[in-house]
Amino acid sequence: MIPLAPMAISRVCVFLGSAMGSDPAFAAAAEELGRAIGGKGWTLVYGGASVGLMGVLADATLAAGGKVHGVIPADMLERELAHQGLSRLDIVGTMAQRKELMFAGSDAFVALPGGFGTLDELFEALTLSLLGHHQRPCLLVDLGGYYRHLIAFADGAVAAGLIKPAHRALLEVVDDPTAAVALLANR
């Protein structure tokens, strides 16, 4: 990959759960972020599912007049139920291809609550940034303290000398979707 200079935000890649989770605040945050992305005229790039928080996010973006680009591996079409109402849906062969296509077409990365897949995508975006493959923002929405242990881990790894402070700074933490959108809009 060729390192990219910072750019104006027009395509936001969001990582989040394909499940709804147990806290109704998760769905409310996904809906809020989707409305904001659509309202800004940005395009949402995400995993292409119609279920869980992913579906809520995509539906809210579309309802706000935004465009949505989904990317889903063929073997996940049934499990994650590909969203059929998107502006664009790409079906790829592997999870690695999914991430490559999502990353290539995005100006910023935002993680809402999710599980292992969400963390995998977020950490790959961060790793590519610290290796100099891109200079795009990586935001973690720590909704209600959902990611507090992950943040503590990252800070502890800095204290242990295993993550450089400059690399830790690549992960920007905000409390809610409104703060994430404001941060991106002011780039």
N, C-alpha and C. Protein backbone atom coordinates (compact mmCIF):
# COMPACT_ATOMS: atom_id res chain seq x y z
N MET A 1 0.83 -1.19 0.00
CA MET A 1 0.00 0.00 0.00
C MET A 1 0.87 1.25 0.00
N ILE A 2 0.45 2.26 -0.69
CA ILE A 2 1.14 3.54 -0.72
C ILE A 2 0.60 4.41 0.40
N PRO A 3 1.47 5.00 1.22
CA PRO A 3 0.97 5.89 2.28
C PRO A 3 0.13 7.02 1.70
N LEU A 4 -0.95 7.30 2.36
CA LEU A 4 -1.85 8.36 1.91
C LEU A 4 -1.78 9.55 2.85
N ALA A 5 -1.85 10.73 2.29
CA ALA A 5 -1.90 11.94 3.10
C ALA A 5 -3.29 12.10 3.69
N PRO A 6 -3.42 12.86 4.78
CA PRO A 6 -4.75 13.12 5.32
C PRO A 6 -5.65 13.73 4.25
N MET A 7 -6.93 13.43 4.31
CA MET A 7 -7.86 13.91 3.29
C MET A 7 -9.15 14.36 3.94
N ALA A 8 -9.93 15.10 3.19
CA ALA A 8 -11.25 15.49 3.67
C ALA A 8 -12.10 14.23 3.78
N ILE A 9 -12.95 14.21 4.77
CA ILE A 9 -13.78 13.04 5.03
C ILE A 9 -14.97 13.01 4.08
N SER A 10 -15.15 11.90 3.39
CA SER A 10 -16.35 11.69 2.59
C SER A 10 -16.87 10.25 2.72
N ARG A 11 -15.98 9.33 3.10
CA ARG A 11 -16.35 7.91 3.26
C ARG A 11 -15.86 7.43 4.61
N VAL A 12 -16.80 7.05 5.47
CA VAL A 12 -16.48 6.64 6.83
C VAL A 12 -16.74 5.15 6.99
N CYS A 13 -15.71 4.42 7.36
CA CYS A 13 -15.82 2.99 7.60
C CYS A 13 -16.15 2.78 9.07
N VAL A 14 -17.22 2.04 9.33
CA VAL A 14 -17.63 1.79 10.71
C VAL A 14 -17.58 0.30 10.98
N PHE A 15 -16.94 -0.05 12.10
CA PHE A 15 -16.88 -1.42 12.59
C PHE A 15 -17.82 -1.52 13.78
N LEU A 16 -18.66 -2.56 13.80
CA LEU A 16 -19.61 -2.75 14.91
C LEU A 16 -20.21 -4.13 14.82
N GLY A 17 -20.99 -4.49 15.82
CA GLY A 17 -21.51 -5.84 15.92
C GLY A 17 -22.60 -6.19 14.94
N SER A 18 -22.62 -7.47 14.56
CA SER A 18 -23.72 -7.99 13.76
C SER A 18 -24.82 -8.52 14.67
N ALA A 19 -24.61 -8.43 15.97
CA ALA A 19 -25.64 -8.72 16.98
C ALA A 19 -26.12 -7.39 17.55
N MET A 20 -27.25 -7.40 18.22
CA MET A 20 -27.78 -6.16 18.81
C MET A 20 -27.13 -5.84 20.15
N GLY A 21 -26.65 -6.86 20.86
CA GLY A 21 -26.12 -6.62 22.19
C GLY A 21 -27.24 -6.48 23.19
N SER A 22 -26.88 -6.44 24.46
CA SER A 22 -27.87 -6.43 25.53
C SER A 22 -28.28 -5.03 25.98
N ASP A 23 -27.56 -4.02 25.55
CA ASP A 23 -27.85 -2.64 25.97
C ASP A 23 -28.52 -1.88 24.83
N PRO A 24 -29.74 -1.38 25.04
CA PRO A 24 -30.42 -0.61 23.99
C PRO A 24 -29.65 0.63 23.53
N ALA A 25 -28.71 1.09 24.35
CA ALA A 25 -27.89 2.25 23.98
C ALA A 25 -27.01 1.94 22.76
N PHE A 26 -26.67 0.67 22.56
CA PHE A 26 -25.85 0.30 21.41
C PHE A 26 -26.59 0.60 20.10
N ALA A 27 -27.84 0.17 20.03
CA ALA A 27 -28.64 0.42 18.82
C ALA A 27 -28.91 1.90 18.65
N ALA A 28 -29.16 2.60 19.75
CA ALA A 28 -29.40 4.04 19.67
C ALA A 28 -28.16 4.75 19.12
N ALA A 29 -26.97 4.31 19.54
CA ALA A 29 -25.73 4.91 19.05
C ALA A 29 -25.52 4.61 17.57
N ALA A 30 -25.81 3.38 17.16
CA ALA A 30 -25.67 3.01 15.75
C ALA A 30 -26.60 3.85 14.90
N GLU A 31 -27.82 4.04 15.37
CA GLU A 31 -28.79 4.86 14.64
C GLU A 31 -28.34 6.32 14.59
N GLU A 32 -27.85 6.83 15.71
CA GLU A 32 -27.37 8.23 15.76
C GLU A 32 -26.20 8.44 14.80
N LEU A 33 -25.26 7.50 14.79
CA LEU A 33 -24.11 7.64 13.90
C LEU A 33 -24.55 7.54 12.44
N GLY A 34 -25.45 6.63 12.13
CA GLY A 34 -25.94 6.50 10.76
C GLY A 34 -26.64 7.77 10.28
N ARG A 35 -27.50 8.34 11.13
CA ARG A 35 -28.17 9.59 10.77
C ARG A 35 -27.17 10.71 10.52
N ALA A 36 -26.14 10.77 11.36
CA ALA A 36 -25.14 11.83 11.22
C ALA A 36 -24.31 11.64 9.95
N ILE A 37 -23.92 10.42 9.65
CA ILE A 37 -23.15 10.16 8.44
C ILE A 37 -23.98 10.54 7.21
N GLY A 38 -25.22 10.09 7.17
CA GLY A 38 -26.11 10.44 6.06
C GLY A 38 -26.37 11.93 5.98
N GLY A 39 -26.56 12.56 7.14
CA GLY A 39 -26.83 13.98 7.18
C GLY A 39 -25.67 14.84 6.71
N LYS A 40 -24.45 14.34 6.88
CA LYS A 40 -23.26 15.07 6.42
C LYS A 40 -23.01 14.85 4.93
N GLY A 41 -23.77 13.95 4.32
CA GLY A 41 -23.54 13.63 2.92
C GLY A 41 -22.37 12.68 2.71
N TRP A 42 -21.91 12.06 3.80
CA TRP A 42 -20.83 11.10 3.72
C TRP A 42 -21.38 9.74 3.30
N THR A 43 -20.53 8.90 2.81
CA THR A 43 -20.88 7.52 2.49
C THR A 43 -20.42 6.62 3.63
N LEU A 44 -21.29 5.74 4.07
CA LEU A 44 -20.95 4.73 5.06
C LEU A 44 -20.34 3.54 4.34
N VAL A 45 -19.22 3.05 4.84
CA VAL A 45 -18.62 1.80 4.39
C VAL A 45 -18.67 0.87 5.60
N TYR A 46 -19.21 -0.32 5.41
CA TYR A 46 -19.34 -1.23 6.56
C TYR A 46 -19.44 -2.67 6.04
N GLY A 47 -19.66 -3.61 6.93
CA GLY A 47 -19.62 -5.02 6.62
C GLY A 47 -20.77 -5.61 5.83
N GLY A 48 -21.76 -4.83 5.45
CA GLY A 48 -22.79 -5.28 4.52
C GLY A 48 -23.97 -6.05 5.07
N ALA A 49 -24.05 -6.22 6.39
CA ALA A 49 -25.13 -7.02 6.97
C ALA A 49 -26.40 -6.21 7.20
N SER A 50 -27.52 -6.93 7.22
CA SER A 50 -28.81 -6.31 7.51
C SER A 50 -29.23 -6.55 8.96
N VAL A 51 -28.46 -7.32 9.69
CA VAL A 51 -28.84 -7.73 11.05
C VAL A 51 -28.04 -6.96 12.10
N GLY A 52 -28.54 -7.01 13.33
CA GLY A 52 -27.85 -6.44 14.47
C GLY A 52 -27.58 -4.95 14.34
N LEU A 53 -26.54 -4.52 15.02
CA LEU A 53 -26.17 -3.10 15.00
C LEU A 53 -25.77 -2.66 13.59
N MET A 54 -25.22 -3.60 12.80
CA MET A 54 -24.84 -3.26 11.44
C MET A 54 -26.06 -2.85 10.62
N GLY A 55 -27.14 -3.58 10.77
CA GLY A 55 -28.37 -3.25 10.06
C GLY A 55 -28.96 -1.92 10.50
N VAL A 56 -28.93 -1.67 11.80
CA VAL A 56 -29.44 -0.41 12.33
C VAL A 56 -28.66 0.76 11.74
N LEU A 57 -27.34 0.64 11.73
CA LEU A 57 -26.48 1.70 11.19
C LEU A 57 -26.77 1.97 9.72
N ALA A 58 -26.83 0.91 8.93
CA ALA A 58 -27.07 1.07 7.49
C ALA A 58 -28.44 1.68 7.23
N ASP A 59 -29.46 1.18 7.91
CA ASP A 59 -30.82 1.70 7.71
C ASP A 59 -30.91 3.18 8.06
N ALA A 60 -30.26 3.57 9.16
CA ALA A 60 -30.31 4.97 9.59
C ALA A 60 -29.57 5.87 8.59
N THR A 61 -28.47 5.39 8.06
CA THR A 61 -27.73 6.18 7.07
C THR A 61 -28.56 6.38 5.81
N LEU A 62 -29.17 5.30 5.35
CA LEU A 62 -30.02 5.38 4.15
C LEU A 62 -31.23 6.29 4.39
N ALA A 63 -31.85 6.18 5.57
CA ALA A 63 -33.02 7.00 5.89
C ALA A 63 -32.67 8.49 5.93
N ALA A 64 -31.41 8.79 6.27
CA ALA A 64 -30.96 10.19 6.32
C ALA A 64 -30.49 10.69 4.96
N GLY A 65 -30.65 9.87 3.93
CA GLY A 65 -30.28 10.28 2.59
C GLY A 65 -28.85 9.98 2.20
N GLY A 66 -28.15 9.22 3.05
CA GLY A 66 -26.76 8.90 2.75
C GLY A 66 -26.62 7.68 1.86
N LYS A 67 -25.42 7.49 1.36
CA LYS A 67 -25.09 6.31 0.58
C LYS A 67 -24.41 5.30 1.49
N VAL A 68 -24.64 4.03 1.18
CA VAL A 68 -24.06 2.96 2.00
C VAL A 68 -23.42 1.92 1.10
N HIS A 69 -22.14 1.67 1.36
CA HIS A 69 -21.37 0.67 0.63
C HIS A 69 -21.07 -0.48 1.60
N GLY A 70 -21.67 -1.64 1.34
CA GLY A 70 -21.43 -2.82 2.15
C GLY A 70 -20.48 -3.77 1.47
N VAL A 71 -19.68 -4.47 2.29
CA VAL A 71 -18.74 -5.46 1.78
C VAL A 71 -18.90 -6.71 2.64
N ILE A 72 -19.25 -7.84 2.02
CA ILE A 72 -19.51 -9.05 2.79
C ILE A 72 -18.90 -10.26 2.08
N PRO A 73 -18.27 -11.16 2.85
CA PRO A 73 -17.76 -12.39 2.24
C PRO A 73 -18.91 -13.32 1.86
N ALA A 74 -18.73 -14.05 0.78
CA ALA A 74 -19.78 -14.93 0.27
C ALA A 74 -20.24 -15.94 1.32
N ASP A 75 -19.30 -16.45 2.13
CA ASP A 75 -19.69 -17.46 3.12
C ASP A 75 -20.45 -16.89 4.31
N MET A 76 -20.59 -15.56 4.35
CA MET A 76 -21.32 -14.93 5.45
C MET A 76 -22.67 -14.38 4.99
N LEU A 77 -23.01 -14.59 3.74
CA LEU A 77 -24.27 -14.05 3.21
C LEU A 77 -25.47 -14.50 4.02
N GLU A 78 -25.50 -15.75 4.43
CA GLU A 78 -26.64 -16.25 5.20
C GLU A 78 -26.52 -15.90 6.67
N ARG A 79 -25.32 -16.04 7.24
CA ARG A 79 -25.12 -15.79 8.67
C ARG A 79 -25.38 -14.33 9.03
N GLU A 80 -24.84 -13.43 8.24
CA GLU A 80 -25.01 -12.00 8.53
C GLU A 80 -26.14 -11.38 7.71
N LEU A 81 -26.75 -12.16 6.84
CA LEU A 81 -27.88 -11.69 6.04
C LEU A 81 -27.56 -10.37 5.33
N ALA A 82 -26.96 -10.48 4.18
CA ALA A 82 -26.56 -9.30 3.41
C ALA A 82 -27.73 -8.34 3.22
N HIS A 83 -27.46 -7.08 3.42
CA HIS A 83 -28.47 -6.02 3.27
C HIS A 83 -28.74 -5.83 1.78
N GLN A 84 -29.97 -5.92 1.39
CA GLN A 84 -30.33 -5.84 -0.04
C GLN A 84 -30.70 -4.42 -0.49
N GLY A 85 -30.75 -3.46 0.43
CA GLY A 85 -31.18 -2.11 0.06
C GLY A 85 -30.06 -1.09 0.00
N LEU A 86 -28.83 -1.55 -0.13
CA LEU A 86 -27.69 -0.64 -0.08
C LEU A 86 -27.44 0.06 -1.41
N SER A 87 -26.71 1.15 -1.36
CA SER A 87 -26.30 1.84 -2.57
C SER A 87 -25.35 0.96 -3.38
N ARG A 88 -24.53 0.20 -2.66
CA ARG A 88 -23.59 -0.72 -3.30
C ARG A 88 -23.30 -1.86 -2.33
N LEU A 89 -23.31 -3.09 -2.84
CA LEU A 89 -22.96 -4.26 -2.04
C LEU A 89 -21.95 -5.08 -2.83
N ASP A 90 -20.77 -5.23 -2.26
CA ASP A 90 -19.74 -6.07 -2.88
C ASP A 90 -19.67 -7.38 -2.10
N ILE A 91 -19.67 -8.48 -2.84
CA ILE A 91 -19.51 -9.81 -2.25
C ILE A 91 -18.11 -10.27 -2.61
N VAL A 92 -17.33 -10.57 -1.57
CA VAL A 92 -15.93 -10.96 -1.75
C VAL A 92 -15.72 -12.39 -1.26
N GLY A 93 -14.53 -12.92 -1.50
CA GLY A 93 -14.26 -14.30 -1.17
C GLY A 93 -13.85 -14.55 0.27
N THR A 94 -13.15 -13.60 0.88
CA THR A 94 -12.60 -13.84 2.22
C THR A 94 -12.75 -12.61 3.12
N MET A 95 -12.54 -12.84 4.42
CA MET A 95 -12.55 -11.73 5.36
C MET A 95 -11.40 -10.76 5.05
N ALA A 96 -10.26 -11.29 4.64
CA ALA A 96 -9.13 -10.42 4.30
C ALA A 96 -9.49 -9.51 3.13
N GLN A 97 -10.18 -10.04 2.14
CA GLN A 97 -10.61 -9.22 1.01
C GLN A 97 -11.65 -8.20 1.45
N ARG A 98 -12.51 -8.59 2.38
CA ARG A 98 -13.50 -7.65 2.92
C ARG A 98 -12.81 -6.44 3.52
N LYS A 99 -11.85 -6.70 4.40
CA LYS A 99 -11.14 -5.61 5.06
C LYS A 99 -10.36 -4.77 4.05
N GLU A 100 -9.70 -5.42 3.11
CA GLU A 100 -8.93 -4.68 2.11
C GLU A 100 -9.81 -3.71 1.33
N LEU A 101 -10.97 -4.16 0.91
CA LEU A 101 -11.88 -3.31 0.14
C LEU A 101 -12.48 -2.21 1.02
N MET A 102 -12.85 -2.55 2.25
CA MET A 102 -13.39 -1.54 3.16
C MET A 102 -12.34 -0.47 3.47
N PHE A 103 -11.11 -0.89 3.72
CA PHE A 103 -10.06 0.06 4.07
C PHE A 103 -9.70 0.95 2.90
N ALA A 104 -9.62 0.36 1.71
CA ALA A 104 -9.19 1.12 0.53
C ALA A 104 -10.15 2.24 0.18
N GLY A 105 -11.42 2.07 0.47
CA GLY A 105 -12.41 3.07 0.09
C GLY A 105 -12.85 3.97 1.21
N SER A 106 -12.04 4.11 2.26
CA SER A 106 -12.47 4.88 3.43
C SER A 106 -11.49 5.97 3.79
N ASP A 107 -12.04 7.06 4.33
CA ASP A 107 -11.24 8.19 4.76
C ASP A 107 -11.03 8.22 6.27
N ALA A 108 -11.81 7.43 7.01
CA ALA A 108 -11.72 7.39 8.46
C ALA A 108 -12.34 6.08 8.94
N PHE A 109 -11.95 5.67 10.14
CA PHE A 109 -12.43 4.43 10.74
C PHE A 109 -13.02 4.72 12.11
N VAL A 110 -14.20 4.18 12.36
CA VAL A 110 -14.88 4.38 13.64
C VAL A 110 -15.35 3.02 14.14
N ALA A 111 -15.09 2.72 15.42
CA ALA A 111 -15.56 1.48 16.01
C ALA A 111 -16.60 1.78 17.08
N LEU A 112 -17.78 1.19 16.90
CA LEU A 112 -18.84 1.20 17.91
C LEU A 112 -18.75 -0.14 18.65
N PRO A 113 -19.59 -0.37 19.66
CA PRO A 113 -19.55 -1.66 20.34
C PRO A 113 -19.69 -2.84 19.38
N GLY A 114 -18.90 -3.85 19.65
CA GLY A 114 -18.91 -5.06 18.83
C GLY A 114 -18.07 -6.12 19.50
N GLY A 115 -17.83 -7.20 18.80
CA GLY A 115 -17.08 -8.32 19.35
C GLY A 115 -15.73 -8.50 18.68
N PHE A 116 -15.33 -9.76 18.52
CA PHE A 116 -14.01 -10.06 17.98
C PHE A 116 -13.80 -9.51 16.57
N GLY A 117 -14.82 -9.60 15.71
CA GLY A 117 -14.68 -9.09 14.35
C GLY A 117 -14.44 -7.59 14.34
N THR A 118 -15.15 -6.87 15.19
CA THR A 118 -14.98 -5.43 15.32
C THR A 118 -13.55 -5.10 15.74
N LEU A 119 -13.06 -5.84 16.75
CA LEU A 119 -11.70 -5.59 17.23
C LEU A 119 -10.66 -5.93 16.16
N ASP A 120 -10.88 -7.03 15.44
CA ASP A 120 -9.97 -7.41 14.36
C ASP A 120 -9.85 -6.28 13.34
N GLU A 121 -10.97 -5.76 12.92
CA GLU A 121 -10.97 -4.70 11.91
C GLU A 121 -10.32 -3.43 12.45
N LEU A 122 -10.66 -3.05 13.67
CA LEU A 122 -10.09 -1.85 14.27
C LEU A 122 -8.58 -1.98 14.41
N PHE A 123 -8.12 -3.12 14.93
CA PHE A 123 -6.69 -3.28 15.15
C PHE A 123 -5.91 -3.37 13.84
N GLU A 124 -6.52 -3.91 12.81
CA GLU A 124 -5.82 -3.91 11.52
C GLU A 124 -5.70 -2.48 10.98
N ALA A 125 -6.76 -1.69 11.11
CA ALA A 125 -6.69 -0.29 10.68
C ALA A 125 -5.62 0.46 11.46
N LEU A 126 -5.54 0.23 12.77
CA LEU A 126 -4.52 0.88 13.60
C LEU A 126 -3.12 0.42 13.21
N THR A 127 -2.95 -0.88 13.00
CA THR A 127 -1.65 -1.41 12.64
C THR A 127 -1.17 -0.84 11.31
N LEU A 128 -2.07 -0.77 10.33
CA LEU A 128 -1.70 -0.18 9.05
C LEU A 128 -1.30 1.29 9.21
N SER A 129 -1.96 1.99 10.12
CA SER A 129 -1.62 3.38 10.38
C SER A 129 -0.24 3.50 11.00
N LEU A 130 0.04 2.70 12.03
CA LEU A 130 1.34 2.82 12.69
C LEU A 130 2.49 2.36 11.80
N LEU A 131 2.19 1.52 10.81
CA LEU A 131 3.20 1.11 9.84
C LEU A 131 3.39 2.14 8.72
N GLY A 132 2.56 3.19 8.73
CA GLY A 132 2.68 4.25 7.75
C GLY A 132 1.94 4.01 6.45
N HIS A 133 1.03 3.04 6.44
CA HIS A 133 0.27 2.75 5.22
C HIS A 133 -0.88 3.73 4.99
N HIS A 134 -1.28 4.42 6.02
CA HIS A 134 -2.29 5.47 5.88
C HIS A 134 -2.17 6.44 7.03
N GLN A 135 -2.80 7.59 6.88
CA GLN A 135 -2.83 8.61 7.93
C GLN A 135 -4.27 8.99 8.22
N ARG A 136 -5.15 8.01 8.20
CA ARG A 136 -6.57 8.28 8.42
C ARG A 136 -6.94 8.09 9.88
N PRO A 137 -7.88 8.86 10.38
CA PRO A 137 -8.27 8.76 11.78
C PRO A 137 -8.87 7.40 12.12
N CYS A 138 -8.54 6.93 13.33
CA CYS A 138 -9.11 5.69 13.89
C CYS A 138 -9.75 6.07 15.22
N LEU A 139 -11.08 6.04 15.25
CA LEU A 139 -11.81 6.47 16.44
C LEU A 139 -12.49 5.28 17.11
N LEU A 140 -12.44 5.28 18.42
CA LEU A 140 -13.11 4.28 19.23
C LEU A 140 -14.20 5.00 20.02
N VAL A 141 -15.45 4.60 19.82
CA VAL A 141 -16.55 5.19 20.56
C VAL A 141 -16.76 4.34 21.82
N ASP A 142 -16.31 4.87 22.94
CA ASP A 142 -16.38 4.16 24.23
C ASP A 142 -17.73 4.44 24.88
N LEU A 143 -18.76 3.94 24.27
CA LEU A 143 -20.13 4.20 24.70
C LEU A 143 -20.40 3.61 26.08
N GLY A 144 -20.65 4.47 27.03
CA GLY A 144 -20.95 4.02 28.39
C GLY A 144 -19.84 3.21 29.02
N GLY A 145 -18.61 3.39 28.57
CA GLY A 145 -17.49 2.65 29.13
C GLY A 145 -17.33 1.25 28.57
N TYR A 146 -18.01 0.95 27.46
CA TYR A 146 -17.94 -0.39 26.87
C TYR A 146 -16.49 -0.83 26.60
N TYR A 147 -15.65 0.08 26.15
CA TYR A 147 -14.27 -0.26 25.80
C TYR A 147 -13.26 0.13 26.88
N ARG A 148 -13.71 0.41 28.09
CA ARG A 148 -12.80 0.89 29.13
C ARG A 148 -11.64 -0.08 29.39
N HIS A 149 -11.90 -1.39 29.34
CA HIS A 149 -10.84 -2.37 29.59
C HIS A 149 -9.84 -2.41 28.42
N LEU A 150 -10.34 -2.21 27.21
CA LEU A 150 -9.46 -2.16 26.05
C LEU A 150 -8.57 -0.93 26.11
N ILE A 151 -9.13 0.19 26.50
CA ILE A 151 -8.37 1.42 26.64
C ILE A 151 -7.32 1.26 27.74
N ALA A 152 -7.71 0.64 28.85
CA ALA A 152 -6.76 0.40 29.94
C ALA A 152 -5.64 -0.53 29.48
N PHE A 153 -5.98 -1.54 28.66
CA PHE A 153 -4.96 -2.43 28.11
C PHE A 153 -3.96 -1.63 27.28
N ALA A 154 -4.45 -0.79 26.38
CA ALA A 154 -3.56 0.00 25.52
C ALA A 154 -2.67 0.90 26.35
N ASP A 155 -3.24 1.55 27.36
CA ASP A 155 -2.44 2.43 28.23
C ASP A 155 -1.43 1.62 29.02
N GLY A 156 -1.82 0.43 29.47
CA GLY A 156 -0.90 -0.45 30.19
C GLY A 156 0.23 -0.94 29.31
N ALA A 157 -0.07 -1.20 28.04
CA ALA A 157 0.97 -1.62 27.10
C ALA A 157 1.97 -0.51 26.85
N VAL A 158 1.50 0.74 26.88
CA VAL A 158 2.42 1.88 26.77
C VAL A 158 3.32 1.91 28.00
N ALA A 159 2.71 1.79 29.18
CA ALA A 159 3.49 1.80 30.42
C ALA A 159 4.50 0.66 30.47
N ALA A 160 4.17 -0.48 29.86
CA ALA A 160 5.06 -1.63 29.83
C ALA A 160 6.11 -1.54 28.72
N GLY A 161 6.05 -0.49 27.92
CA GLY A 161 7.02 -0.30 26.85
C GLY A 161 6.77 -1.15 25.62
N LEU A 162 5.55 -1.66 25.46
CA LEU A 162 5.24 -2.52 24.32
C LEU A 162 4.46 -1.81 23.22
N ILE A 163 3.89 -0.68 23.52
CA ILE A 163 3.27 0.19 22.52
C ILE A 163 3.87 1.58 22.72
N LYS A 164 4.34 2.16 21.63
CA LYS A 164 4.90 3.51 21.71
C LYS A 164 3.78 4.51 21.97
N PRO A 165 4.05 5.54 22.77
CA PRO A 165 3.02 6.55 23.01
C PRO A 165 2.45 7.15 21.72
N ALA A 166 3.29 7.36 20.71
CA ALA A 166 2.81 7.90 19.43
C ALA A 166 1.85 6.94 18.75
N HIS A 167 2.08 5.66 18.90
CA HIS A 167 1.17 4.67 18.30
C HIS A 167 -0.13 4.59 19.09
N ARG A 168 -0.05 4.69 20.40
CA ARG A 168 -1.27 4.70 21.23
C ARG A 168 -2.14 5.90 20.86
N ALA A 169 -1.50 7.01 20.53
CA ALA A 169 -2.22 8.24 20.19
C ALA A 169 -2.99 8.10 18.88
N LEU A 170 -2.67 7.09 18.07
CA LEU A 170 -3.41 6.88 16.82
C LEU A 170 -4.85 6.45 17.09
N LEU A 171 -5.10 5.86 18.25
CA LEU A 171 -6.46 5.45 18.63
C LEU A 171 -7.10 6.59 19.42
N GLU A 172 -7.96 7.32 18.74
CA GLU A 172 -8.65 8.44 19.40
C GLU A 172 -9.93 7.93 20.03
N VAL A 173 -10.17 8.29 21.27
CA VAL A 173 -11.32 7.79 22.01
C VAL A 173 -12.31 8.92 22.24
N VAL A 174 -13.57 8.64 21.92
CA VAL A 174 -14.66 9.59 22.18
C VAL A 174 -15.77 8.84 22.92
N ASP A 175 -16.68 9.60 23.51
CA ASP A 175 -17.72 8.99 24.34
C ASP A 175 -19.00 8.63 23.59
N ASP A 176 -19.23 9.26 22.43
CA ASP A 176 -20.49 9.02 21.75
C ASP A 176 -20.37 9.35 20.26
N PRO A 177 -21.35 8.95 19.47
CA PRO A 177 -21.29 9.20 18.02
C PRO A 177 -21.23 10.68 17.65
N THR A 178 -21.89 11.53 18.41
CA THR A 178 -21.87 12.96 18.13
C THR A 178 -20.44 13.49 18.19
N ALA A 179 -19.70 13.08 19.20
CA ALA A 179 -18.31 13.50 19.34
C ALA A 179 -17.45 12.95 18.20
N ALA A 180 -17.72 11.72 17.78
CA ALA A 180 -16.97 11.13 16.67
C ALA A 180 -17.19 11.93 15.38
N VAL A 181 -18.43 12.26 15.10
CA VAL A 181 -18.75 13.01 13.87
C VAL A 181 -18.14 14.40 13.93
N ALA A 182 -18.23 15.05 15.09
CA ALA A 182 -17.63 16.39 15.24
C ALA A 182 -16.13 16.34 15.01
N LEU A 183 -15.48 15.34 15.56
CA LEU A 183 -14.04 15.20 15.38
C LEU A 183 -13.68 15.01 13.91
N LEU A 184 -14.43 14.16 13.22
CA LEU A 184 -14.16 13.92 11.79
C LEU A 184 -14.48 15.15 10.94
N ALA A 185 -15.55 15.85 11.27
CA ALA A 185 -15.96 17.01 10.48
C ALA A 185 -14.95 18.15 10.57
N ASN A 186 -14.17 18.17 11.65
CA ASN A 186 -13.20 19.24 11.86
C ASN A 186 -11.80 18.87 11.42
N ARG A 187 -11.66 17.83 10.63
CA ARG A 187 -10.34 17.41 10.11
C ARG A 187 -9.91 18.31 9.00
